Amino acid sequence: MDHSDNSFSLAGQLLIASPGMQDPHFKQTVTLICEHDTKGALGITINRPSKVSLAEVLTELGISIDDPDNLEILSQSQVLHGGPVHSNRGLILHSADSAWESSIKVSDQLSLTSSRDILESIGIGTAPSEYLLFLGYAGWGPGQLEQELIDNSWLHANATQQLIFRTKHENCWRATAESLGIDIDKMSIHAGHA
């Protein structure tokens, strides 16, 4: 299969780690591919919660949360580990119903933003309708993701807001595989080629 042109892109798709994935950064993960072209790929793992709350991050950045109800919500919202690259860099994945200073379009329904204005909006309670904050991201060099697909390291599925924003993190890996009609617990950890 030749992927040397831009016609093959997994941007806007979810990667499901195969049961045989041994890399501890990706074992039993689901990763949303945000950019994918001949230069490589960028994605964020959507089911690895950290112990840090969104309220803690905003407070550390000096962003005030004036509304007590919003403070309660943000105190219970976990920041996610997006991947092993730049693990101190914050990225917000959100519904594409608002525009921000520094956003990339992932799909018609999703955008990824890294600018402070969206964090300030979250602090005052005028955030996008659905969003998640990630620290770090996953990156692949030219041809690396394509080779991992050939090696059966990943399955891929359509990204839905249900899977990304409304599925519990501990259920996401199995639920995303189930969206393809696959019981991932019954898959062999050893992949082969026919």
C-alpha atoms as a PDB file:
ATOM      1  CA  MET A   1       0.000   0.000   0.000  1.00  0.00           C
ATOM      2  CA  ASP A   2       1.509   3.340  -1.004  1.00  0.00           C
ATOM      3  CA  HIS A   3       0.844   6.223   1.380  1.00  0.00           C
ATOM      4  CA  SER A   4       3.396   8.585  -0.102  1.00  0.00           C
ATOM      5  CA  ASP A   5       0.779  11.145  -1.072  1.00  0.00           C
ATOM      6  CA  ASN A   6      -1.607  13.140   1.097  1.00  0.00           C
ATOM      7  CA  SER A   7      -4.678  11.115   0.106  1.00  0.00           C
ATOM      8  CA  PHE A   8      -4.247   8.765   3.060  1.00  0.00           C
ATOM      9  CA  SER A   9      -4.852  10.612   6.305  1.00  0.00           C
ATOM     10  CA  LEU A  10      -6.158   9.381   9.624  1.00  0.00           C
ATOM     11  CA  ALA A  11      -6.814  12.911  10.901  1.00  0.00           C
ATOM     12  CA  GLY A  12     -10.083  12.851  12.821  1.00  0.00           C
ATOM     13  CA  GLN A  13      -9.868   9.075  13.405  1.00  0.00           C
ATOM     14  CA  LEU A  14      -9.349   7.164  16.649  1.00  0.00           C
ATOM     15  CA  LEU A  15      -6.492   4.690  16.975  1.00  0.00           C
ATOM     16  CA  ILE A  16      -7.182   1.735  19.250  1.00  0.00           C
ATOM     17  CA  ALA A  17      -4.064   0.073  20.637  1.00  0.00           C
ATOM     18  CA  SER A  18      -4.016  -3.610  19.754  1.00  0.00           C
ATOM     19  CA  PRO A  19      -3.973  -6.046  22.690  1.00  0.00           C
ATOM     20  CA  GLY A  20      -0.343  -6.821  21.836  1.00  0.00           C
ATOM     21  CA  MET A  21       0.788  -3.185  22.268  1.00  0.00           C
ATOM     22  CA  GLN A  22       3.617  -3.273  24.800  1.00  0.00           C
ATOM     23  CA  ASP A  23       4.647   0.397  24.795  1.00  0.00           C
ATOM     24  CA  PRO A  24       3.538   1.596  28.263  1.00  0.00           C
ATOM     25  CA  HIS A  25       2.592   5.002  26.823  1.00  0.00           C
ATOM     26  CA  PHE A  26      -0.025   3.377  24.579  1.00  0.00           C
ATOM     27  CA  LYS A  27      -1.055   0.059  26.154  1.00  0.00           C
ATOM     28  CA  GLN A  28      -4.895  -0.115  26.141  1.00  0.00           C
ATOM     29  CA  THR A  29      -5.210   3.438  24.847  1.00  0.00           C
ATOM     30  CA  VAL A  30      -7.358   5.268  22.363  1.00  0.00           C
ATOM     31  CA  THR A  31      -5.623   8.116  20.532  1.00  0.00           C
ATOM     32  CA  LEU A  32      -7.310  10.770  18.408  1.00  0.00           C
ATOM     33  CA  ILE A  33      -5.235  11.650  15.354  1.00  0.00           C
ATOM     34  CA  CYS A  34      -5.326  15.436  15.000  1.00  0.00           C
ATOM     35  CA  GLU A  35      -2.908  15.875  12.087  1.00  0.00           C
ATOM     36  CA  HIS A  36      -1.556  13.317   9.622  1.00  0.00           C
ATOM     37  CA  ASP A  37       0.324  13.911   6.399  1.00  0.00           C
ATOM     38  CA  THR A  38       3.609  12.954   4.713  1.00  0.00           C
ATOM     39  CA  LYS A  39       5.558  14.808   7.440  1.00  0.00           C
ATOM     40  CA  GLY A  40       4.139  12.568  10.186  1.00  0.00           C
ATOM     41  CA  ALA A  41       1.256  12.577  12.622  1.00  0.00           C
ATOM     42  CA  LEU A  42       0.154  14.212  15.861  1.00  0.00           C
ATOM     43  CA  GLY A  43      -2.413  12.692  18.179  1.00  0.00           C
ATOM     44  CA  ILE A  44      -3.717  12.879  21.736  1.00  0.00           C
ATOM     45  CA  THR A  45      -4.506   9.910  23.923  1.00  0.00           C
ATOM     46  CA  ILE A  46      -8.054  10.374  25.208  1.00  0.00           C
ATOM     47  CA  ASN A  47      -8.268   7.778  27.988  1.00  0.00           C
ATOM     48  CA  ARG A  48      -5.301   8.385  30.308  1.00  0.00           C
ATOM     49  CA  PRO A  49      -6.450  10.566  33.228  1.00  0.00           C
ATOM     50  CA  SER A  50      -3.896  12.263  35.457  1.00  0.00           C
ATOM     51  CA  LYS A  51      -4.278  13.093  39.150  1.00  0.00           C
ATOM     52  CA  VAL A  52      -4.388  16.816  38.350  1.00  0.00           C
ATOM     53  CA  SER A  53      -7.681  18.684  38.125  1.00  0.00           C
ATOM     54  CA  LEU A  54      -8.545  21.382  35.621  1.00  0.00           C
ATOM     55  CA  ALA A  55      -9.070  23.806  38.516  1.00  0.00           C
ATOM     56  CA  GLU A  56      -5.484  23.171  39.689  1.00  0.00           C
ATOM     57  CA  VAL A  57      -4.085  23.913  36.227  1.00  0.00           C
ATOM     58  CA  LEU A  58      -6.081  27.131  35.855  1.00  0.00           C
ATOM     59  CA  THR A  59      -5.061  28.285  39.343  1.00  0.00           C
ATOM     60  CA  GLU A  60      -1.397  27.546  38.595  1.00  0.00           C
ATOM     61  CA  LEU A  61      -1.682  29.662  35.428  1.00  0.00           C
ATOM     62  CA  GLY A  62      -3.230  32.562  37.384  1.00  0.00           C
ATOM     63  CA  ILE A  63      -6.643  32.184  35.733  1.00  0.00           C
ATOM     64  CA  SER A  64      -9.412  33.019  38.186  1.00  0.00           C
ATOM     65  CA  ILE A  65     -12.497  30.871  38.678  1.00  0.00           C
ATOM     66  CA  ASP A  66     -15.017  33.203  40.303  1.00  0.00           C
ATOM     67  CA  ASP A  67     -18.186  31.093  40.217  1.00  0.00           C
ATOM     68  CA  PRO A  68     -18.292  28.488  43.047  1.00  0.00           C
ATOM     69  CA  ASP A  69     -20.360  26.086  40.911  1.00  0.00           C
ATOM     70  CA  ASN A  70     -17.808  26.300  38.078  1.00  0.00           C
ATOM     71  CA  LEU A  71     -14.989  25.803  40.606  1.00  0.00           C
ATOM     72  CA  GLU A  72     -16.677  22.608  41.822  1.00  0.00           C
ATOM     73  CA  ILE A  73     -17.056  21.289  38.255  1.00  0.00           C
ATOM     74  CA  LEU A  74     -13.455  22.144  37.337  1.00  0.00           C
ATOM     75  CA  SER A  75     -12.147  20.630  40.586  1.00  0.00           C
ATOM     76  CA  GLN A  76     -13.688  17.311  39.570  1.00  0.00           C
ATOM     77  CA  SER A  77     -12.548  17.484  35.918  1.00  0.00           C
ATOM     78  CA  GLN A  78      -9.347  15.526  35.362  1.00  0.00           C
ATOM     79  CA  VAL A  79      -6.589  16.636  33.055  1.00  0.00           C
ATOM     80  CA  LEU A  80      -5.542  13.833  30.689  1.00  0.00           C
ATOM     81  CA  HIS A  81      -2.089  12.604  29.643  1.00  0.00           C
ATOM     82  CA  GLY A  82      -2.183  13.304  25.909  1.00  0.00           C
ATOM     83  CA  GLY A  83       1.090  11.538  25.171  1.00  0.00           C
ATOM     84  CA  PRO A  84       4.803  11.421  25.900  1.00  0.00           C
ATOM     85  CA  VAL A  85       5.839  14.437  23.760  1.00  0.00           C
ATOM     86  CA  HIS A  86       6.025  17.852  25.510  1.00  0.00           C
ATOM     87  CA  SER A  87       4.184  16.512  28.556  1.00  0.00           C
ATOM     88  CA  ASN A  88       4.039  19.997  30.096  1.00  0.00           C
ATOM     89  CA  ARG A  89       2.279  21.545  27.065  1.00  0.00           C
ATOM     90  CA  GLY A  90      -1.467  22.019  27.406  1.00  0.00           C
ATOM     91  CA  LEU A  91      -3.894  21.327  24.574  1.00  0.00           C
ATOM     92  CA  ILE A  92      -7.671  21.597  24.680  1.00  0.00           C
ATOM     93  CA  LEU A  93      -9.738  19.327  22.469  1.00  0.00           C
ATOM     94  CA  HIS A  94     -13.205  20.794  22.073  1.00  0.00           C
ATOM     95  CA  SER A  95     -16.373  20.879  20.071  1.00  0.00           C
ATOM     96  CA  ALA A  96     -15.972  23.156  17.054  1.00  0.00           C
ATOM     97  CA  ASP A  97     -18.714  25.548  18.130  1.00  0.00           C
ATOM     98  CA  SER A  98     -16.380  28.461  18.990  1.00  0.00           C
ATOM     99  CA  ALA A  99     -13.297  30.147  17.538  1.00  0.00           C
ATOM    100  CA  TRP A 100     -10.073  30.766  19.464  1.00  0.00           C
ATOM    101  CA  GLU A 101      -6.694  32.413  18.800  1.00  0.00           C
ATOM    102  CA  SER A 102      -4.737  29.234  18.112  1.00  0.00           C
ATOM    103  CA  SER A 103      -6.853  26.329  16.886  1.00  0.00           C
ATOM    104  CA  ILE A 104      -6.472  23.571  14.358  1.00  0.00           C
ATOM    105  CA  LYS A 105      -9.476  21.878  12.818  1.00  0.00           C
ATOM    106  CA  VAL A 106      -9.403  18.151  13.543  1.00  0.00           C
ATOM    107  CA  SER A 107     -12.782  17.445  11.910  1.00  0.00           C
ATOM    108  CA  ASP A 108     -16.046  19.279  11.255  1.00  0.00           C
ATOM    109  CA  GLN A 109     -17.022  18.608  14.883  1.00  0.00           C
ATOM    110  CA  LEU A 110     -13.655  18.915  16.696  1.00  0.00           C
ATOM    111  CA  SER A 111     -10.872  21.456  17.120  1.00  0.00           C
ATOM    112  CA  LEU A 112      -7.629  21.482  19.092  1.00  0.00           C
ATOM    113  CA  THR A 113      -6.581  24.750  20.742  1.00  0.00           C
ATOM    114  CA  SER A 114      -3.426  25.722  22.595  1.00  0.00           C
ATOM    115  CA  SER A 115      -4.019  29.424  23.353  1.00  0.00           C
ATOM    116  CA  ARG A 116      -4.707  30.990  26.753  1.00  0.00           C
ATOM    117  CA  ASP A 117      -8.017  32.565  25.679  1.00  0.00           C
ATOM    118  CA  ILE A 118      -9.843  29.231  25.770  1.00  0.00           C
ATOM    119  CA  LEU A 119      -8.512  28.540  29.291  1.00  0.00           C
ATOM    120  CA  GLU A 120      -9.764  31.945  30.442  1.00  0.00           C
ATOM    121  CA  SER A 121     -13.136  31.136  28.895  1.00  0.00           C
ATOM    122  CA  ILE A 122     -13.247  27.844  30.817  1.00  0.00           C
ATOM    123  CA  GLY A 123     -12.424  29.753  34.018  1.00  0.00           C
ATOM    124  CA  ILE A 124     -15.344  32.142  33.646  1.00  0.00           C
ATOM    125  CA  GLY A 125     -17.766  29.435  32.544  1.00  0.00           C
ATOM    126  CA  THR A 126     -18.094  30.324  28.852  1.00  0.00           C
ATOM    127  CA  ALA A 127     -16.230  27.288  27.555  1.00  0.00           C
ATOM    128  CA  PRO A 128     -17.130  25.317  24.427  1.00  0.00           C
ATOM    129  CA  SER A 129     -20.049  22.925  24.921  1.00  0.00           C
ATOM    130  CA  GLU A 130     -17.650  19.947  25.260  1.00  0.00           C
ATOM    131  CA  TYR A 131     -13.915  19.988  25.959  1.00  0.00           C
ATOM    132  CA  LEU A 132     -11.007  18.113  27.538  1.00  0.00           C
ATOM    133  CA  LEU A 133      -7.600  19.412  28.630  1.00  0.00           C
ATOM    134  CA  PHE A 134      -4.515  17.342  27.797  1.00  0.00           C
ATOM    135  CA  LEU A 135      -0.892  17.646  28.831  1.00  0.00           C
ATOM    136  CA  GLY A 136       1.412  16.380  26.088  1.00  0.00           C
ATOM    137  CA  TYR A 137       0.709  14.628  22.830  1.00  0.00           C
ATOM    138  CA  ALA A 138       1.816  11.683  20.723  1.00  0.00           C
ATOM    139  CA  GLY A 139       3.942  12.196  17.648  1.00  0.00           C
ATOM    140  CA  TRP A 140       5.040  10.048  14.713  1.00  0.00           C
ATOM    141  CA  GLY A 141       7.713  10.820  12.131  1.00  0.00           C
ATOM    142  CA  PRO A 142       7.248  10.419   8.363  1.00  0.00           C
ATOM    143  CA  GLY A 143       5.954   6.916   7.596  1.00  0.00           C
ATOM    144  CA  GLN A 144       6.143   5.775  11.236  1.00  0.00           C
ATOM    145  CA  LEU A 145       2.384   5.589  11.867  1.00  0.00           C
ATOM    146  CA  GLU A 146       1.830   3.880   8.513  1.00  0.00           C
ATOM    147  CA  GLN A 147       4.387   1.218   9.476  1.00  0.00           C
ATOM    148  CA  GLU A 148       2.719   0.706  12.860  1.00  0.00           C
ATOM    149  CA  LEU A 149      -0.585   0.151  11.050  1.00  0.00           C
ATOM    150  CA  ILE A 150       1.047  -2.404   8.747  1.00  0.00           C
ATOM    151  CA  ASP A 151       2.480  -4.100  11.869  1.00  0.00           C
ATOM    152  CA  ASN A 152      -1.075  -4.318  13.301  1.00  0.00           C
ATOM    153  CA  SER A 153      -0.207  -2.160  16.322  1.00  0.00           C
ATOM    154  CA  TRP A 154      -3.432  -0.185  15.889  1.00  0.00           C
ATOM    155  CA  LEU A 155      -7.026  -0.489  14.757  1.00  0.00           C
ATOM    156  CA  HIS A 156      -8.758   2.688  13.680  1.00  0.00           C
ATOM    157  CA  ALA A 157     -12.337   3.843  14.123  1.00  0.00           C
ATOM    158  CA  ASN A 158     -14.431   6.900  13.440  1.00  0.00           C
ATOM    159  CA  ALA A 159     -14.133   9.533  16.130  1.00  0.00           C
ATOM    160  CA  THR A 160     -17.439  10.433  17.753  1.00  0.00           C
ATOM    161  CA  GLN A 161     -18.145  12.969  20.452  1.00  0.00           C
ATOM    162  CA  GLN A 162     -19.824  10.179  22.415  1.00  0.00           C
ATOM    163  CA  LEU A 163     -16.597   8.145  22.533  1.00  0.00           C
ATOM    164  CA  ILE A 164     -14.354  11.151  23.167  1.00  0.00           C
ATOM    165  CA  PHE A 165     -16.316  13.269  25.641  1.00  0.00           C
ATOM    166  CA  ARG A 166     -18.984  11.024  27.167  1.00  0.00           C
ATOM    167  CA  THR A 167     -17.394   7.588  27.597  1.00  0.00           C
ATOM    168  CA  LYS A 168     -15.679   6.881  30.915  1.00  0.00           C
ATOM    169  CA  HIS A 169     -11.906   6.697  30.522  1.00  0.00           C
ATOM    170  CA  GLU A 170     -11.733   3.156  31.918  1.00  0.00           C
ATOM    171  CA  ASN A 171     -14.322   1.972  29.347  1.00  0.00           C
ATOM    172  CA  CYS A 172     -13.020   3.873  26.308  1.00  0.00           C
ATOM    173  CA  TRP A 173     -10.610   1.236  24.917  1.00  0.00           C
ATOM    174  CA  ARG A 174     -13.246  -1.514  24.843  1.00  0.00           C
ATOM    175  CA  ALA A 175     -16.092   0.805  23.792  1.00  0.00           C
ATOM    176  CA  THR A 176     -14.123   2.153  20.816  1.00  0.00           C
ATOM    177  CA  ALA A 177     -13.310  -1.392  19.658  1.00  0.00           C
ATOM    178  CA  GLU A 178     -16.989  -2.304  20.108  1.00  0.00           C
ATOM    179  CA  SER A 179     -17.898   0.586  17.773  1.00  0.00           C
ATOM    180  CA  LEU A 180     -16.193  -1.562  15.091  1.00  0.00           C
ATOM    181  CA  GLY A 181     -18.032  -4.706  16.211  1.00  0.00           C
ATOM    182  CA  ILE A 182     -14.870  -6.083  17.838  1.00  0.00           C
ATOM    183  CA  ASP A 183     -14.607  -7.700  21.263  1.00  0.00           C
ATOM    184  CA  ILE A 184     -11.043  -6.629  21.978  1.00  0.00           C
ATOM    185  CA  ASP A 185     -10.735  -9.104  24.863  1.00  0.00           C
ATOM    186  CA  LYS A 186     -11.048 -11.936  22.315  1.00  0.00           C
ATOM    187  CA  MET A 187      -8.360 -10.606  19.978  1.00  0.00           C
ATOM    188  CA  SER A 188      -5.019 -12.384  19.915  1.00  0.00           C
ATOM    189  CA  ILE A 189      -2.085 -10.441  21.300  1.00  0.00           C
ATOM    190  CA  HIS A 190      -0.034 -11.765  18.365  1.00  0.00           C
ATOM    191  CA  ALA A 191      -0.792 -10.238  14.983  1.00  0.00           C
ATOM    192  CA  GLY A 192       0.056 -11.768  11.653  1.00  0.00           C
ATOM    193  CA  HIS A 193      -0.283 -11.065   7.950  1.00  0.00           C
ATOM    194  CA  ALA A 194      -2.160 -13.144   5.416  1.00  0.00           C
END
